[in-house]
Amino acid sequence: MKNDDLRADRDDRDDLDDFIPRTSAKRSNNLVMQVAAGVFLGGLALWLVQLGATALYAKLMLGTFTFGG
């Protein structure tokens, strides 16, 4: 076990001469604007749901909400 040669043999296919590194992709401004718009619209939607729930709860507490006719 001590004298085992565990190194892998390199094939001709393993040459890195043909390797072309990928150009670093910059995050576009469009992605930043999409994330900002999503956060804003999500917050607006949550605020509107909270406003509706609060109004419904207030009507129930005041007893002015009628069920049916």
Protein backbone atom coordinates (compact mmCIF):
# COMPACT_ATOMS: atom_id res chain seq x y z
CA MET A 1 0.00 0.00 0.00
CA LYS A 2 2.84 2.33 0.76
CA ASN A 3 4.40 2.06 -2.70
CA ASP A 4 1.18 2.27 -4.73
CA ASP A 5 1.29 4.84 -7.48
CA LEU A 6 -2.14 6.45 -7.29
CA ARG A 7 -1.52 9.22 -9.80
CA ALA A 8 -3.85 9.26 -12.78
CA ASP A 9 -2.40 9.04 -16.25
CA ARG A 10 -3.16 12.01 -18.45
CA ASP A 11 -4.79 11.45 -21.81
CA ASP A 12 -4.33 13.61 -24.86
CA ARG A 13 -7.89 14.79 -24.33
CA ASP A 14 -6.93 16.30 -20.97
CA ASP A 15 -4.75 18.99 -22.49
CA LEU A 16 -5.75 22.41 -21.34
CA ASP A 17 -4.32 24.15 -24.39
CA ASP A 18 -7.77 24.36 -25.96
CA PHE A 19 -9.38 25.70 -22.80
CA ILE A 20 -10.94 29.11 -23.31
CA PRO A 21 -11.99 30.72 -20.03
CA ARG A 22 -15.49 32.10 -19.87
CA THR A 23 -15.76 35.87 -19.91
CA SER A 24 -16.91 37.17 -16.58
CA ALA A 25 -20.58 37.94 -16.92
CA LYS A 26 -21.44 41.30 -15.46
CA ARG A 27 -24.80 41.65 -13.84
CA SER A 28 -26.83 43.90 -16.01
CA ASN A 29 -28.69 46.89 -14.69
CA ASN A 30 -31.88 45.22 -15.93
CA LEU A 31 -31.57 42.48 -13.31
CA VAL A 32 -31.12 45.05 -10.55
CA MET A 33 -34.22 46.90 -11.70
CA GLN A 34 -36.24 43.66 -11.85
CA VAL A 35 -35.25 42.74 -8.29
CA ALA A 36 -36.04 46.25 -7.04
CA ALA A 37 -39.42 46.26 -8.79
CA GLY A 38 -40.24 42.83 -7.35
CA VAL A 39 -39.39 43.93 -3.82
CA PHE A 40 -41.43 47.13 -4.23
CA LEU A 41 -44.48 45.40 -5.72
CA GLY A 42 -44.32 42.62 -3.13
CA GLY A 43 -44.28 45.17 -0.33
CA LEU A 44 -47.16 47.06 -1.92
CA ALA A 45 -49.20 43.87 -2.23
CA LEU A 46 -48.56 42.96 1.41
CA TRP A 47 -49.55 46.46 2.49
CA LEU A 48 -52.82 46.28 0.53
CA VAL A 49 -53.66 42.86 2.02
CA GLN A 50 -52.96 44.19 5.51
CA LEU A 51 -55.11 47.25 4.82
CA GLY A 52 -58.02 45.08 3.67
CA ALA A 53 -57.68 42.71 6.62
CA THR A 54 -57.58 45.63 9.04
CA ALA A 55 -60.69 47.20 7.49
CA LEU A 56 -62.57 43.89 7.64
CA TYR A 57 -61.52 43.35 11.25
CA ALA A 58 -62.63 46.87 12.18
CA LYS A 59 -66.03 46.31 10.56
CA LEU A 60 -66.44 43.05 12.46
CA MET A 61 -65.49 44.70 15.75
CA LEU A 62 -67.91 47.58 15.21
CA GLY A 63 -70.65 45.20 14.21
CA THR A 64 -71.41 47.05 11.00
CA PHE A 65 -70.60 44.03 8.81
CA THR A 66 -73.79 42.27 7.86
CA PHE A 67 -73.95 38.63 6.81
CA GLY A 68 -76.64 38.24 4.17
CA GLY A 69 -79.69 40.50 3.69
